[in-house]
Amino acid sequence: MVVDTSGLWRAFWLRGLRRDDVSVIGFQVRTAVLTPSTYVVSVSGEIDMHSSPALEEELNWVLGNGADNAIVDLVEVGFVDSTALKVLVEALPRFADRGGQLILVSDDRRVQRTLEITGLAGKFAVETSLADAIARIMVPESEARRDAEG
């Protein structure tokens, strides 16, 4: 299945948190609605003990708005520390409890290696592109819709 993601880049960004204090210069997190049950959280900069609370806040906001699925786009992230991993690990079962998924997007070998070293690589669905992550979520949703109609 081919998924057209061109419309996503024109999507209305619901929220944009920018942390500009000295400790987290360059960190930004933005959220867009892909479908009513699926949100894309795009992060840029480094996710460390200073910036991970903003990621946690954003994931809580997404869950509070009824999302079953979240794609956390880490393509523009060059560093992930243990506090960031903690935020992601704690969010994982919250999406699973809703029958949804939390999918990470990263093509950065350093981020993937961090997941491997910590033993978390097998716990997360990781895709190397946003298009692949969207396809991973949209295919099951379209199959469920087709089954409900048929």
C-alpha atoms as a PDB file:
ATOM      1  CA  MET A   1       0.000   0.000   0.000  1.00  0.00           C
ATOM      2  CA  VAL A   2       1.320   3.434  -0.896  1.00  0.00           C
ATOM      3  CA  VAL A   3       0.506   6.206   1.557  1.00  0.00           C
ATOM      4  CA  ASP A   4       0.489   9.808   0.377  1.00  0.00           C
ATOM      5  CA  THR A   5       2.002  11.923   3.147  1.00  0.00           C
ATOM      6  CA  SER A   6       2.182  15.158   1.187  1.00  0.00           C
ATOM      7  CA  GLY A   7      -0.938  16.465   2.911  1.00  0.00           C
ATOM      8  CA  LEU A   8       0.596  15.902   6.328  1.00  0.00           C
ATOM      9  CA  TRP A   9       3.142  18.633   5.775  1.00  0.00           C
ATOM     10  CA  ARG A  10       0.295  21.040   5.101  1.00  0.00           C
ATOM     11  CA  ALA A  11      -1.515  19.834   8.211  1.00  0.00           C
ATOM     12  CA  PHE A  12      -2.550  22.342  10.802  1.00  0.00           C
ATOM     13  CA  TRP A  13      -0.100  22.133  13.678  1.00  0.00           C
ATOM     14  CA  LEU A  14      -2.278  21.977  16.751  1.00  0.00           C
ATOM     15  CA  ARG A  15       0.413  22.736  19.228  1.00  0.00           C
ATOM     16  CA  GLY A  16       3.977  23.870  19.161  1.00  0.00           C
ATOM     17  CA  LEU A  17       6.081  23.999  22.269  1.00  0.00           C
ATOM     18  CA  ARG A  18       9.395  25.709  22.008  1.00  0.00           C
ATOM     19  CA  ARG A  19      11.846  25.677  24.846  1.00  0.00           C
ATOM     20  CA  ASP A  20      14.230  28.582  24.403  1.00  0.00           C
ATOM     21  CA  ASP A  21      15.946  28.813  27.741  1.00  0.00           C
ATOM     22  CA  VAL A  22      19.690  28.196  27.906  1.00  0.00           C
ATOM     23  CA  SER A  23      19.393  24.557  28.947  1.00  0.00           C
ATOM     24  CA  VAL A  24      17.348  23.446  25.963  1.00  0.00           C
ATOM     25  CA  ILE A  25      18.270  25.726  23.095  1.00  0.00           C
ATOM     26  CA  GLY A  26      17.077  24.298  19.801  1.00  0.00           C
ATOM     27  CA  PHE A  27      14.531  21.899  21.272  1.00  0.00           C
ATOM     28  CA  GLN A  28      11.066  21.961  19.759  1.00  0.00           C
ATOM     29  CA  VAL A  29       8.045  19.682  19.816  1.00  0.00           C
ATOM     30  CA  ARG A  30       5.048  20.079  17.504  1.00  0.00           C
ATOM     31  CA  THR A  31       1.893  18.033  17.186  1.00  0.00           C
ATOM     32  CA  ALA A  32      -0.460  17.492  14.272  1.00  0.00           C
ATOM     33  CA  VAL A  33      -3.609  15.422  13.856  1.00  0.00           C
ATOM     34  CA  LEU A  34      -3.297  12.745  11.198  1.00  0.00           C
ATOM     35  CA  THR A  35      -6.727  11.252  11.944  1.00  0.00           C
ATOM     36  CA  PRO A  36      -9.021  11.792  14.949  1.00  0.00           C
ATOM     37  CA  SER A  37      -7.355   8.818  16.641  1.00  0.00           C
ATOM     38  CA  THR A  38      -3.780   9.330  15.408  1.00  0.00           C
ATOM     39  CA  TYR A  39      -1.436  12.192  16.200  1.00  0.00           C
ATOM     40  CA  VAL A  40       2.077  12.939  14.962  1.00  0.00           C
ATOM     41  CA  VAL A  41       4.460  14.413  17.542  1.00  0.00           C
ATOM     42  CA  SER A  42       7.527  15.845  15.802  1.00  0.00           C
ATOM     43  CA  VAL A  43      10.566  16.570  17.931  1.00  0.00           C
ATOM     44  CA  SER A  44      13.754  18.408  17.016  1.00  0.00           C
ATOM     45  CA  GLY A  45      16.914  19.036  18.991  1.00  0.00           C
ATOM     46  CA  GLU A  46      18.203  16.965  21.886  1.00  0.00           C
ATOM     47  CA  ILE A  47      15.879  15.165  24.283  1.00  0.00           C
ATOM     48  CA  ASP A  48      17.487  15.190  27.697  1.00  0.00           C
ATOM     49  CA  MET A  49      16.561  15.809  31.326  1.00  0.00           C
ATOM     50  CA  HIS A  50      15.774  19.441  30.546  1.00  0.00           C
ATOM     51  CA  SER A  51      13.602  18.893  27.488  1.00  0.00           C
ATOM     52  CA  SER A  52      11.984  15.503  28.165  1.00  0.00           C
ATOM     53  CA  PRO A  53       9.266  17.069  30.384  1.00  0.00           C
ATOM     54  CA  ALA A  54       8.003  18.910  27.289  1.00  0.00           C
ATOM     55  CA  LEU A  55       7.791  15.610  25.387  1.00  0.00           C
ATOM     56  CA  GLU A  56       5.958  14.036  28.315  1.00  0.00           C
ATOM     57  CA  GLU A  57       3.555  16.987  28.447  1.00  0.00           C
ATOM     58  CA  GLU A  58       2.865  16.666  24.739  1.00  0.00           C
ATOM     59  CA  LEU A  59       2.210  12.915  24.901  1.00  0.00           C
ATOM     60  CA  ASN A  60      -0.113  13.474  27.875  1.00  0.00           C
ATOM     61  CA  TRP A  61      -1.941  16.144  25.865  1.00  0.00           C
ATOM     62  CA  VAL A  62      -2.297  13.770  22.907  1.00  0.00           C
ATOM     63  CA  LEU A  63      -3.670  11.019  25.159  1.00  0.00           C
ATOM     64  CA  GLY A  64      -5.979  13.513  26.856  1.00  0.00           C
ATOM     65  CA  ASN A  65      -7.428  14.397  23.462  1.00  0.00           C
ATOM     66  CA  GLY A  66      -8.421  10.804  22.821  1.00  0.00           C
ATOM     67  CA  ALA A  67      -5.623   9.571  20.599  1.00  0.00           C
ATOM     68  CA  ASP A  68      -5.260   5.822  20.317  1.00  0.00           C
ATOM     69  CA  ASN A  69      -2.084   6.078  18.239  1.00  0.00           C
ATOM     70  CA  ALA A  70       0.912   8.352  18.233  1.00  0.00           C
ATOM     71  CA  ILE A  71       3.840   8.621  15.900  1.00  0.00           C
ATOM     72  CA  VAL A  72       6.833  10.243  17.575  1.00  0.00           C
ATOM     73  CA  ASP A  73       8.998  11.625  14.792  1.00  0.00           C
ATOM     74  CA  LEU A  74      12.604  11.716  16.009  1.00  0.00           C
ATOM     75  CA  VAL A  75      14.213  12.293  12.601  1.00  0.00           C
ATOM     76  CA  GLU A  76      15.507  15.708  13.690  1.00  0.00           C
ATOM     77  CA  VAL A  77      16.708  14.440  17.084  1.00  0.00           C
ATOM     78  CA  GLY A  78      20.413  13.791  17.494  1.00  0.00           C
ATOM     79  CA  PHE A  79      20.501  12.740  21.144  1.00  0.00           C
ATOM     80  CA  VAL A  80      18.155  10.823  23.422  1.00  0.00           C
ATOM     81  CA  ASP A  81      19.021  10.292  27.086  1.00  0.00           C
ATOM     82  CA  SER A  82      17.530   7.999  29.732  1.00  0.00           C
ATOM     83  CA  THR A  83      14.907  10.541  30.813  1.00  0.00           C
ATOM     84  CA  ALA A  84      13.569  10.664  27.261  1.00  0.00           C
ATOM     85  CA  LEU A  85      13.509   6.872  27.111  1.00  0.00           C
ATOM     86  CA  LYS A  86      11.593   6.835  30.404  1.00  0.00           C
ATOM     87  CA  VAL A  87       8.939   9.153  28.947  1.00  0.00           C
ATOM     88  CA  LEU A  88       8.551   6.927  25.886  1.00  0.00           C
ATOM     89  CA  VAL A  89       8.522   3.678  27.895  1.00  0.00           C
ATOM     90  CA  GLU A  90       5.843   5.044  30.232  1.00  0.00           C
ATOM     91  CA  ALA A  91       3.680   6.174  27.301  1.00  0.00           C
ATOM     92  CA  LEU A  92       3.867   2.830  25.485  1.00  0.00           C
ATOM     93  CA  PRO A  93       1.350   0.893  27.646  1.00  0.00           C
ATOM     94  CA  ARG A  94      -1.010   3.859  27.768  1.00  0.00           C
ATOM     95  CA  PHE A  95      -1.463   3.628  23.997  1.00  0.00           C
ATOM     96  CA  ALA A  96      -1.536  -0.189  24.083  1.00  0.00           C
ATOM     97  CA  ASP A  97      -4.321  -0.088  26.713  1.00  0.00           C
ATOM     98  CA  ARG A  98      -6.426   1.777  24.138  1.00  0.00           C
ATOM     99  CA  GLY A  99      -5.697  -0.820  21.487  1.00  0.00           C
ATOM    100  CA  GLY A 100      -3.339   1.592  19.755  1.00  0.00           C
ATOM    101  CA  GLN A 101       0.314   1.982  18.978  1.00  0.00           C
ATOM    102  CA  LEU A 102       3.206   4.270  19.772  1.00  0.00           C
ATOM    103  CA  ILE A 103       5.572   4.270  16.814  1.00  0.00           C
ATOM    104  CA  LEU A 104       8.973   5.941  16.765  1.00  0.00           C
ATOM    105  CA  VAL A 105      10.481   7.348  13.580  1.00  0.00           C
ATOM    106  CA  SER A 106      14.246   7.652  13.343  1.00  0.00           C
ATOM    107  CA  ASP A 107      16.812   7.041  10.661  1.00  0.00           C
ATOM    108  CA  ASP A 108      19.654   8.059  12.977  1.00  0.00           C
ATOM    109  CA  ARG A 109      21.864   5.129  13.868  1.00  0.00           C
ATOM    110  CA  ARG A 110      22.737   6.750  17.229  1.00  0.00           C
ATOM    111  CA  VAL A 111      19.102   6.775  18.320  1.00  0.00           C
ATOM    112  CA  GLN A 112      18.584   3.207  17.117  1.00  0.00           C
ATOM    113  CA  ARG A 113      21.775   2.112  18.891  1.00  0.00           C
ATOM    114  CA  THR A 114      20.570   3.723  22.133  1.00  0.00           C
ATOM    115  CA  LEU A 115      17.408   1.626  21.935  1.00  0.00           C
ATOM    116  CA  GLU A 116      19.471  -1.503  21.275  1.00  0.00           C
ATOM    117  CA  ILE A 117      21.935  -0.896  24.126  1.00  0.00           C
ATOM    118  CA  THR A 118      19.130  -0.293  26.620  1.00  0.00           C
ATOM    119  CA  GLY A 119      17.223  -3.384  25.501  1.00  0.00           C
ATOM    120  CA  LEU A 120      14.281  -1.306  24.285  1.00  0.00           C
ATOM    121  CA  ALA A 121      14.635  -1.935  20.546  1.00  0.00           C
ATOM    122  CA  GLY A 122      12.205  -4.852  20.686  1.00  0.00           C
ATOM    123  CA  LYS A 123       9.644  -2.975  22.753  1.00  0.00           C
ATOM    124  CA  PHE A 124       9.068  -0.150  20.279  1.00  0.00           C
ATOM    125  CA  ALA A 125       7.869  -0.180  16.726  1.00  0.00           C
ATOM    126  CA  VAL A 126      10.533   1.858  14.919  1.00  0.00           C
ATOM    127  CA  GLU A 127      10.313   3.032  11.333  1.00  0.00           C
ATOM    128  CA  THR A 128      12.953   4.945   9.380  1.00  0.00           C
ATOM    129  CA  SER A 129      10.470   7.276   7.684  1.00  0.00           C
ATOM    130  CA  LEU A 130       7.272   9.056   8.581  1.00  0.00           C
ATOM    131  CA  ALA A 131       5.595   7.521   5.520  1.00  0.00           C
ATOM    132  CA  ASP A 132       6.387   4.009   6.772  1.00  0.00           C
ATOM    133  CA  ALA A 133       5.069   4.832  10.251  1.00  0.00           C
ATOM    134  CA  ILE A 134       1.857   6.244   8.804  1.00  0.00           C
ATOM    135  CA  ALA A 135       1.417   3.160   6.621  1.00  0.00           C
ATOM    136  CA  ARG A 136       1.915   0.932   9.658  1.00  0.00           C
ATOM    137  CA  ILE A 137      -1.001   2.618  11.418  1.00  0.00           C
ATOM    138  CA  MET A 138      -3.265   3.341   8.458  1.00  0.00           C
ATOM    139  CA  VAL A 139      -3.279  -0.174   7.020  1.00  0.00           C
ATOM    140  CA  PRO A 140      -4.751  -1.755  10.202  1.00  0.00           C
ATOM    141  CA  GLU A 141      -7.270   1.121  10.497  1.00  0.00           C
ATOM    142  CA  SER A 142      -8.447   0.683   6.901  1.00  0.00           C
ATOM    143  CA  GLU A 143      -8.660  -3.107   7.345  1.00  0.00           C
ATOM    144  CA  ALA A 144     -10.748  -2.670  10.509  1.00  0.00           C
ATOM    145  CA  ARG A 145     -13.044  -0.233   8.704  1.00  0.00           C
ATOM    146  CA  ARG A 146     -13.420  -2.660   5.795  1.00  0.00           C
ATOM    147  CA  ASP A 147     -14.205  -5.545   8.194  1.00  0.00           C
ATOM    148  CA  ALA A 148     -16.834  -3.440   9.985  1.00  0.00           C
ATOM    149  CA  GLU A 149     -18.501  -2.560   6.681  1.00  0.00           C
ATOM    150  CA  GLY A 150     -18.343  -6.088   5.281  1.00  0.00           C
END
